[in-house]
Amino acid sequence: MVGCNHPGCRNPRACAPEELQLCTSRFISDCYRKLDELAELIQQRDFKSSSVHPIRRFLVVSTSQAVSQALKVQGLSNQQRAQLLDILLSAGDLLGKLRRSPRAIEFVPVRLCGNSYTQPWVEETITQVLSKHGAMLRCTRPYAQGGTLDFVRLDTG
């Protein structure tokens, strides 16, 4: 059996987060440490958009390894199984908090069309922030969450 790559650890290897071959105990402790660091970064939005990919990769690999260990490693204690489940849930929660794409401050003229059955309306405004998956803009009309809003760029149609 191949040993853990952590210095001084003689336990058998169980998983491979971020290319390191670790035993279950080291995987759990390293994941908790890294998840705490990432939770702080994500909460404070204290990272560059270029670092989202490695963060997302670590979270995906960690969830995969936690599931793999819980299902395949023999002789896990109930505490270790609970910790692996906690890692899975924590990493999944952090994945949900990551942005799908970076935001950019960009001013683009747009026309908004409200599809209210009782009073349709049109308003011209400009965007304040854009991302690949959405935009933030100022609208002077009341707008119900979950409603439909048509959005047309005035510069390109």
N, C-alpha and C. Protein backbone atom coordinates (compact mmCIF):
# COMPACT_ATOMS: atom_id res chain seq x y z
N MET A 1 0.84 -1.18 0.00
CA MET A 1 0.00 0.00 0.00
C MET A 1 0.89 1.24 0.00
N VAL A 2 0.56 2.24 -0.80
CA VAL A 2 1.35 3.46 -0.93
C VAL A 2 0.99 4.40 0.22
N GLY A 3 2.00 5.07 0.78
CA GLY A 3 1.78 5.94 1.93
C GLY A 3 1.37 7.35 1.57
N CYS A 4 0.88 8.03 2.57
CA CYS A 4 0.47 9.43 2.48
C CYS A 4 1.68 10.30 2.16
N ASN A 5 1.50 11.35 1.38
CA ASN A 5 2.60 12.24 1.01
C ASN A 5 2.88 13.31 2.06
N HIS A 6 2.07 13.39 3.09
CA HIS A 6 2.29 14.41 4.13
C HIS A 6 3.56 14.05 4.90
N PRO A 7 4.46 15.01 5.12
CA PRO A 7 5.73 14.71 5.80
C PRO A 7 5.50 14.05 7.17
N GLY A 8 6.15 12.93 7.39
CA GLY A 8 6.08 12.24 8.67
C GLY A 8 4.89 11.33 8.85
N CYS A 9 3.97 11.31 7.91
CA CYS A 9 2.77 10.47 8.03
C CYS A 9 3.04 9.12 7.37
N ARG A 10 2.72 8.04 8.07
CA ARG A 10 2.94 6.70 7.55
C ARG A 10 1.64 5.98 7.23
N ASN A 11 0.52 6.71 7.30
CA ASN A 11 -0.78 6.10 7.00
C ASN A 11 -0.89 5.82 5.50
N PRO A 12 -1.73 4.84 5.13
CA PRO A 12 -1.91 4.57 3.69
C PRO A 12 -2.61 5.73 2.99
N ARG A 13 -2.27 5.92 1.75
CA ARG A 13 -2.85 6.96 0.90
C ARG A 13 -4.32 6.64 0.64
N ALA A 14 -5.17 7.68 0.66
CA ALA A 14 -6.59 7.45 0.41
C ALA A 14 -7.15 8.31 -0.71
N CYS A 15 -6.55 9.47 -0.97
CA CYS A 15 -7.13 10.36 -1.99
C CYS A 15 -6.09 11.30 -2.54
N ALA A 16 -6.53 12.10 -3.53
CA ALA A 16 -5.58 12.97 -4.23
C ALA A 16 -6.12 14.36 -4.48
N PRO A 17 -6.39 15.18 -3.44
CA PRO A 17 -6.81 16.55 -3.73
C PRO A 17 -5.62 17.38 -4.17
N GLU A 18 -5.81 18.17 -5.22
CA GLU A 18 -4.77 19.04 -5.76
C GLU A 18 -3.45 18.30 -5.97
N GLU A 19 -3.53 17.09 -6.51
CA GLU A 19 -2.37 16.28 -6.88
C GLU A 19 -1.55 15.77 -5.69
N LEU A 20 -1.98 15.99 -4.47
CA LEU A 20 -1.28 15.43 -3.30
C LEU A 20 -1.95 14.13 -2.91
N GLN A 21 -1.17 13.13 -2.61
CA GLN A 21 -1.70 11.84 -2.21
C GLN A 21 -1.75 11.82 -0.68
N LEU A 22 -2.93 11.86 -0.09
CA LEU A 22 -3.08 11.98 1.36
C LEU A 22 -3.89 10.84 1.96
N CYS A 23 -3.65 10.59 3.24
CA CYS A 23 -4.49 9.65 3.98
C CYS A 23 -5.78 10.37 4.36
N THR A 24 -6.75 9.63 4.84
CA THR A 24 -8.05 10.21 5.18
C THR A 24 -7.92 11.31 6.23
N SER A 25 -7.13 11.07 7.28
CA SER A 25 -6.99 12.08 8.35
C SER A 25 -6.40 13.38 7.82
N ARG A 26 -5.38 13.28 6.99
CA ARG A 26 -4.74 14.49 6.43
C ARG A 26 -5.68 15.16 5.42
N PHE A 27 -6.39 14.37 4.64
CA PHE A 27 -7.35 14.94 3.70
C PHE A 27 -8.38 15.77 4.46
N ILE A 28 -8.93 15.21 5.53
CA ILE A 28 -9.96 15.91 6.31
C ILE A 28 -9.40 17.19 6.91
N SER A 29 -8.25 17.10 7.57
CA SER A 29 -7.69 18.31 8.21
C SER A 29 -7.29 19.36 7.18
N ASP A 30 -6.67 18.94 6.07
CA ASP A 30 -6.28 19.89 5.02
C ASP A 30 -7.50 20.53 4.37
N CYS A 31 -8.54 19.73 4.13
CA CYS A 31 -9.76 20.28 3.52
C CYS A 31 -10.42 21.30 4.44
N TYR A 32 -10.54 20.97 5.72
CA TYR A 32 -11.14 21.93 6.65
C TYR A 32 -10.36 23.24 6.68
N ARG A 33 -9.03 23.15 6.70
CA ARG A 33 -8.21 24.35 6.72
C ARG A 33 -8.44 25.19 5.45
N LYS A 34 -8.39 24.52 4.30
CA LYS A 34 -8.55 25.22 3.02
C LYS A 34 -9.98 25.75 2.86
N LEU A 35 -10.99 24.98 3.28
CA LEU A 35 -12.38 25.44 3.18
C LEU A 35 -12.61 26.68 4.05
N ASP A 36 -12.00 26.71 5.24
CA ASP A 36 -12.12 27.90 6.09
C ASP A 36 -11.49 29.12 5.42
N GLU A 37 -10.31 28.94 4.80
CA GLU A 37 -9.65 30.04 4.09
C GLU A 37 -10.52 30.54 2.94
N LEU A 38 -11.06 29.60 2.16
CA LEU A 38 -11.88 29.98 1.00
C LEU A 38 -13.19 30.62 1.42
N ALA A 39 -13.78 30.15 2.50
CA ALA A 39 -15.03 30.76 2.98
C ALA A 39 -14.80 32.22 3.34
N GLU A 40 -13.67 32.49 3.97
CA GLU A 40 -13.33 33.88 4.33
C GLU A 40 -13.12 34.72 3.07
N LEU A 41 -12.37 34.20 2.10
CA LEU A 41 -12.14 34.92 0.84
C LEU A 41 -13.44 35.20 0.11
N ILE A 42 -14.29 34.18 0.01
CA ILE A 42 -15.54 34.32 -0.73
C ILE A 42 -16.48 35.30 -0.02
N GLN A 43 -16.53 35.23 1.30
CA GLN A 43 -17.39 36.14 2.06
C GLN A 43 -16.96 37.59 1.87
N GLN A 44 -15.65 37.82 1.87
CA GLN A 44 -15.12 39.18 1.73
C GLN A 44 -14.92 39.58 0.27
N ARG A 45 -15.14 38.64 -0.65
CA ARG A 45 -14.87 38.87 -2.08
C ARG A 45 -13.44 39.34 -2.26
N ASP A 46 -12.52 38.73 -1.49
CA ASP A 46 -11.13 39.14 -1.44
C ASP A 46 -10.26 38.28 -2.37
N PHE A 47 -10.64 38.20 -3.63
CA PHE A 47 -9.85 37.45 -4.60
C PHE A 47 -10.08 38.04 -5.97
N LYS A 48 -9.12 37.81 -6.86
CA LYS A 48 -9.23 38.29 -8.23
C LYS A 48 -10.08 37.33 -9.04
N SER A 49 -10.70 37.84 -10.09
CA SER A 49 -11.53 36.97 -10.93
C SER A 49 -10.70 35.84 -11.55
N SER A 50 -9.39 36.07 -11.74
CA SER A 50 -8.54 35.02 -12.31
C SER A 50 -8.33 33.85 -11.35
N SER A 51 -8.57 34.06 -10.06
CA SER A 51 -8.37 32.98 -9.09
C SER A 51 -9.65 32.17 -8.86
N VAL A 52 -10.75 32.51 -9.53
CA VAL A 52 -12.00 31.76 -9.36
C VAL A 52 -11.83 30.33 -9.87
N HIS A 53 -11.14 30.14 -11.00
CA HIS A 53 -10.99 28.80 -11.56
C HIS A 53 -10.26 27.84 -10.61
N PRO A 54 -9.11 28.22 -10.01
CA PRO A 54 -8.46 27.30 -9.07
C PRO A 54 -9.31 27.05 -7.81
N ILE A 55 -10.03 28.06 -7.36
CA ILE A 55 -10.92 27.88 -6.20
C ILE A 55 -12.00 26.87 -6.55
N ARG A 56 -12.64 27.08 -7.69
CA ARG A 56 -13.71 26.17 -8.13
C ARG A 56 -13.15 24.74 -8.31
N ARG A 57 -11.95 24.64 -8.88
CA ARG A 57 -11.33 23.32 -9.08
C ARG A 57 -11.10 22.62 -7.75
N PHE A 58 -10.55 23.33 -6.75
CA PHE A 58 -10.33 22.73 -5.44
C PHE A 58 -11.65 22.24 -4.85
N LEU A 59 -12.69 23.06 -4.94
CA LEU A 59 -13.98 22.68 -4.36
C LEU A 59 -14.57 21.46 -5.06
N VAL A 60 -14.46 21.40 -6.37
CA VAL A 60 -14.98 20.25 -7.12
C VAL A 60 -14.19 18.99 -6.79
N VAL A 61 -12.85 19.11 -6.77
CA VAL A 61 -12.01 17.95 -6.45
C VAL A 61 -12.28 17.48 -5.02
N SER A 62 -12.43 18.41 -4.09
CA SER A 62 -12.70 18.06 -2.70
C SER A 62 -14.02 17.31 -2.54
N THR A 63 -15.05 17.78 -3.23
CA THR A 63 -16.34 17.09 -3.13
C THR A 63 -16.23 15.69 -3.72
N SER A 64 -15.55 15.58 -4.85
CA SER A 64 -15.38 14.27 -5.48
C SER A 64 -14.61 13.32 -4.57
N GLN A 65 -13.53 13.80 -3.99
CA GLN A 65 -12.72 12.96 -3.12
C GLN A 65 -13.46 12.59 -1.83
N ALA A 66 -14.22 13.53 -1.28
CA ALA A 66 -14.99 13.23 -0.05
C ALA A 66 -15.99 12.12 -0.32
N VAL A 67 -16.68 12.19 -1.44
CA VAL A 67 -17.64 11.14 -1.80
C VAL A 67 -16.92 9.83 -2.04
N SER A 68 -15.82 9.89 -2.77
CA SER A 68 -15.06 8.68 -3.07
C SER A 68 -14.58 7.99 -1.80
N GLN A 69 -14.03 8.76 -0.89
CA GLN A 69 -13.56 8.17 0.37
C GLN A 69 -14.70 7.58 1.18
N ALA A 70 -15.79 8.33 1.29
CA ALA A 70 -16.92 7.85 2.09
C ALA A 70 -17.44 6.52 1.56
N LEU A 71 -17.38 6.34 0.24
CA LEU A 71 -17.92 5.11 -0.36
C LEU A 71 -16.90 3.98 -0.45
N LYS A 72 -15.61 4.30 -0.58
CA LYS A 72 -14.61 3.27 -0.91
C LYS A 72 -13.66 2.91 0.22
N VAL A 73 -13.33 3.84 1.09
CA VAL A 73 -12.31 3.57 2.11
C VAL A 73 -12.92 2.69 3.20
N GLN A 74 -12.25 1.60 3.48
CA GLN A 74 -12.69 0.66 4.52
C GLN A 74 -12.26 1.16 5.89
N GLY A 75 -13.06 0.87 6.90
CA GLY A 75 -12.69 1.14 8.29
C GLY A 75 -12.79 2.58 8.73
N LEU A 76 -13.58 3.40 8.05
CA LEU A 76 -13.76 4.78 8.50
C LEU A 76 -14.60 4.79 9.78
N SER A 77 -14.26 5.69 10.69
CA SER A 77 -15.07 5.85 11.89
C SER A 77 -16.31 6.68 11.54
N ASN A 78 -17.30 6.65 12.40
CA ASN A 78 -18.49 7.47 12.18
C ASN A 78 -18.13 8.95 12.15
N GLN A 79 -17.16 9.34 12.98
CA GLN A 79 -16.72 10.73 12.98
C GLN A 79 -16.11 11.11 11.63
N GLN A 80 -15.27 10.24 11.08
CA GLN A 80 -14.67 10.52 9.77
C GLN A 80 -15.73 10.60 8.68
N ARG A 81 -16.70 9.70 8.72
CA ARG A 81 -17.80 9.76 7.73
C ARG A 81 -18.56 11.07 7.86
N ALA A 82 -18.83 11.49 9.10
CA ALA A 82 -19.54 12.75 9.32
C ALA A 82 -18.70 13.93 8.83
N GLN A 83 -17.40 13.89 9.04
CA GLN A 83 -16.52 14.96 8.56
C GLN A 83 -16.48 15.01 7.04
N LEU A 84 -16.45 13.85 6.40
CA LEU A 84 -16.47 13.82 4.94
C LEU A 84 -17.78 14.39 4.40
N LEU A 85 -18.88 14.06 5.05
CA LEU A 85 -20.17 14.64 4.65
C LEU A 85 -20.16 16.15 4.85
N ASP A 86 -19.60 16.61 5.96
CA ASP A 86 -19.52 18.04 6.24
C ASP A 86 -18.67 18.74 5.18
N ILE A 87 -17.56 18.13 4.78
CA ILE A 87 -16.72 18.70 3.72
C ILE A 87 -17.51 18.80 2.42
N LEU A 88 -18.23 17.75 2.10
CA LEU A 88 -19.06 17.74 0.89
C LEU A 88 -20.07 18.89 0.91
N LEU A 89 -20.77 19.03 2.02
CA LEU A 89 -21.80 20.08 2.13
C LEU A 89 -21.17 21.48 2.15
N SER A 90 -20.06 21.63 2.85
CA SER A 90 -19.41 22.95 2.92
C SER A 90 -18.86 23.37 1.56
N ALA A 91 -18.21 22.44 0.86
CA ALA A 91 -17.67 22.76 -0.47
C ALA A 91 -18.81 23.08 -1.44
N GLY A 92 -19.90 22.33 -1.36
CA GLY A 92 -21.06 22.61 -2.21
C GLY A 92 -21.65 23.98 -1.94
N ASP A 93 -21.71 24.36 -0.67
CA ASP A 93 -22.21 25.69 -0.31
C ASP A 93 -21.31 26.78 -0.87
N LEU A 94 -19.99 26.61 -0.76
CA LEU A 94 -19.06 27.60 -1.29
C LEU A 94 -19.13 27.68 -2.81
N LEU A 95 -19.31 26.54 -3.47
CA LEU A 95 -19.47 26.56 -4.93
C LEU A 95 -20.67 27.41 -5.34
N GLY A 96 -21.75 27.30 -4.57
CA GLY A 96 -22.94 28.09 -4.85
C GLY A 96 -22.74 29.58 -4.66
N LYS A 97 -21.77 29.96 -3.85
CA LYS A 97 -21.51 31.38 -3.58
C LYS A 97 -20.53 32.02 -4.55
N LEU A 98 -19.83 31.20 -5.32
CA LEU A 98 -18.88 31.75 -6.30
C LEU A 98 -19.64 32.33 -7.49
N ARG A 99 -19.12 33.40 -8.02
CA ARG A 99 -19.71 33.99 -9.23
C ARG A 99 -19.40 33.10 -10.42
N ARG A 100 -20.35 33.02 -11.34
CA ARG A 100 -20.13 32.23 -12.55
C ARG A 100 -19.19 32.95 -13.50
N SER A 101 -19.18 34.29 -13.45
CA SER A 101 -18.29 35.06 -14.31
C SER A 101 -17.98 36.39 -13.62
N PRO A 102 -16.87 37.03 -13.98
CA PRO A 102 -16.51 38.30 -13.33
C PRO A 102 -17.44 39.43 -13.73
N ARG A 103 -17.55 40.40 -12.84
CA ARG A 103 -18.33 41.61 -13.12
C ARG A 103 -17.43 42.69 -13.70
N ALA A 104 -18.01 43.53 -14.55
CA ALA A 104 -17.26 44.65 -15.12
C ALA A 104 -18.13 45.89 -15.04
N ILE A 105 -17.54 47.00 -14.61
CA ILE A 105 -18.28 48.26 -14.61
C ILE A 105 -18.30 48.74 -16.05
N GLU A 106 -19.50 48.82 -16.60
CA GLU A 106 -19.64 49.20 -18.00
C GLU A 106 -20.98 49.91 -18.18
N PHE A 107 -20.94 51.04 -18.87
CA PHE A 107 -22.14 51.84 -19.07
C PHE A 107 -22.64 51.66 -20.49
N VAL A 108 -23.72 50.90 -20.63
CA VAL A 108 -24.31 50.60 -21.93
C VAL A 108 -25.75 51.10 -21.93
N PRO A 109 -26.13 51.90 -22.92
CA PRO A 109 -27.52 52.36 -22.97
C PRO A 109 -28.47 51.20 -23.29
N VAL A 110 -29.56 51.10 -22.55
CA VAL A 110 -30.52 50.02 -22.73
C VAL A 110 -31.95 50.54 -22.64
N ARG A 111 -32.85 49.78 -23.22
CA ARG A 111 -34.29 50.05 -23.11
C ARG A 111 -34.91 48.90 -22.34
N LEU A 112 -35.64 49.23 -21.29
CA LEU A 112 -36.35 48.24 -20.49
C LEU A 112 -37.82 48.29 -20.85
N CYS A 113 -38.42 47.14 -20.98
CA CYS A 113 -39.84 47.04 -21.27
C CYS A 113 -40.49 46.14 -20.23
N GLY A 114 -41.35 46.71 -19.43
CA GLY A 114 -42.04 45.93 -18.41
C GLY A 114 -43.27 45.28 -18.99
N ASN A 115 -43.44 44.00 -18.75
CA ASN A 115 -44.56 43.24 -19.30
C ASN A 115 -45.67 43.08 -18.28
N SER A 116 -46.12 44.17 -17.75
CA SER A 116 -47.23 44.11 -16.81
C SER A 116 -48.52 44.05 -17.62
N TYR A 117 -49.44 43.17 -17.25
CA TYR A 117 -50.69 43.04 -17.99
C TYR A 117 -51.55 44.29 -17.86
N THR A 118 -51.49 44.95 -16.74
CA THR A 118 -52.34 46.11 -16.53
C THR A 118 -51.74 47.38 -17.08
N GLN A 119 -50.43 47.57 -16.92
CA GLN A 119 -49.79 48.80 -17.39
C GLN A 119 -48.40 48.53 -17.96
N PRO A 120 -48.31 48.16 -19.25
CA PRO A 120 -46.98 47.98 -19.84
C PRO A 120 -46.23 49.31 -19.83
N TRP A 121 -44.89 49.24 -19.71
CA TRP A 121 -44.11 50.46 -19.66
C TRP A 121 -42.77 50.28 -20.37
N VAL A 122 -42.16 51.40 -20.74
CA VAL A 122 -40.85 51.40 -21.39
C VAL A 122 -40.02 52.49 -20.71
N GLU A 123 -38.75 52.16 -20.48
CA GLU A 123 -37.85 53.13 -19.86
C GLU A 123 -36.46 52.96 -20.46
N GLU A 124 -35.78 54.08 -20.72
CA GLU A 124 -34.40 54.02 -21.19
C GLU A 124 -33.47 54.38 -20.04
N THR A 125 -32.40 53.61 -19.91
CA THR A 125 -31.44 53.80 -18.82
C THR A 125 -30.08 53.29 -19.29
N ILE A 126 -29.13 53.21 -18.38
CA ILE A 126 -27.81 52.65 -18.71
C ILE A 126 -27.45 51.58 -17.67
N THR A 127 -26.66 50.63 -18.12
CA THR A 127 -26.19 49.60 -17.18
C THR A 127 -25.13 50.23 -16.27
N GLN A 128 -24.94 49.62 -15.12
CA GLN A 128 -23.89 50.05 -14.20
C GLN A 128 -22.81 48.97 -14.11
N VAL A 129 -23.23 47.70 -14.08
CA VAL A 129 -22.32 46.57 -13.99
C VAL A 129 -22.82 45.48 -14.91
N LEU A 130 -21.90 44.85 -15.63
CA LEU A 130 -22.25 43.74 -16.52
C LEU A 130 -21.44 42.50 -16.15
N SER A 131 -22.02 41.35 -16.40
CA SER A 131 -21.29 40.09 -16.33
C SER A 131 -21.80 39.21 -17.46
N LYS A 132 -21.18 38.07 -17.64
CA LYS A 132 -21.59 37.17 -18.70
C LYS A 132 -23.03 36.68 -18.50
N HIS A 133 -23.49 36.68 -17.25
CA HIS A 133 -24.79 36.10 -16.93
C HIS A 133 -25.82 37.10 -16.41
N GLY A 134 -25.53 38.40 -16.47
CA GLY A 134 -26.52 39.36 -15.98
C GLY A 134 -25.99 40.77 -15.99
N ALA A 135 -26.81 41.67 -15.46
CA ALA A 135 -26.47 43.08 -15.42
C ALA A 135 -27.14 43.74 -14.22
N MET A 136 -26.53 44.83 -13.77
CA MET A 136 -27.15 45.67 -12.76
C MET A 136 -27.41 47.02 -13.41
N LEU A 137 -28.59 47.55 -13.20
CA LEU A 137 -28.93 48.84 -13.77
C LEU A 137 -29.94 49.54 -12.88
N ARG A 138 -30.13 50.80 -13.15
CA ARG A 138 -31.08 51.59 -12.38
C ARG A 138 -32.40 51.66 -13.15
N CYS A 139 -33.48 51.41 -12.45
CA CYS A 139 -34.83 51.47 -13.04
C CYS A 139 -35.71 52.27 -12.09
N THR A 140 -36.42 53.26 -12.62
CA THR A 140 -37.25 54.11 -11.76
C THR A 140 -38.64 53.52 -11.52
N ARG A 141 -38.99 52.49 -12.24
CA ARG A 141 -40.30 51.85 -12.09
C ARG A 141 -40.27 50.79 -11.00
N PRO A 142 -41.37 50.64 -10.28
CA PRO A 142 -41.43 49.51 -9.35
C PRO A 142 -41.44 48.20 -10.14
N TYR A 143 -40.75 47.22 -9.61
CA TYR A 143 -40.60 45.97 -10.34
C TYR A 143 -40.76 44.80 -9.39
N ALA A 144 -41.62 43.87 -9.72
CA ALA A 144 -41.87 42.72 -8.86
C ALA A 144 -40.80 41.65 -9.10
N GLN A 145 -40.23 41.14 -8.02
CA GLN A 145 -39.24 40.07 -8.14
C GLN A 145 -39.89 38.86 -8.79
N GLY A 146 -39.18 38.26 -9.75
CA GLY A 146 -39.70 37.09 -10.45
C GLY A 146 -40.52 37.45 -11.68
N GLY A 147 -40.73 38.73 -11.93
CA GLY A 147 -41.49 39.16 -13.10
C GLY A 147 -40.63 39.09 -14.35
N THR A 148 -41.22 39.44 -15.49
CA THR A 148 -40.51 39.41 -16.76
C THR A 148 -40.17 40.84 -17.18
N LEU A 149 -38.95 41.01 -17.67
CA LEU A 149 -38.48 42.32 -18.11
C LEU A 149 -37.72 42.13 -19.41
N ASP A 150 -38.11 42.82 -20.46
CA ASP A 150 -37.36 42.78 -21.72
C ASP A 150 -36.26 43.83 -21.65
N PHE A 151 -35.13 43.49 -22.23
CA PHE A 151 -33.91 44.27 -22.08
C PHE A 151 -33.26 44.36 -23.45
N VAL A 152 -33.13 45.58 -24.04
CA VAL A 152 -32.56 45.73 -25.38
C VAL A 152 -31.42 46.74 -25.32
N ARG A 153 -30.26 46.36 -25.84
CA ARG A 153 -29.13 47.29 -25.94
C ARG A 153 -29.46 48.32 -27.01
N LEU A 154 -29.32 49.61 -26.69
CA LEU A 154 -29.60 50.65 -27.67
C LEU A 154 -28.43 50.88 -28.62
N ASP A 155 -27.21 50.49 -28.21
CA ASP A 155 -26.06 50.71 -29.07
C ASP A 155 -25.93 49.66 -30.17
N THR A 156 -26.40 48.45 -29.94
CA THR A 156 -26.27 47.39 -30.93
C THR A 156 -27.60 46.76 -31.33
N GLY A 157 -28.65 47.09 -30.58
CA GLY A 157 -29.96 46.50 -30.84
C GLY A 157 -30.08 45.12 -30.28
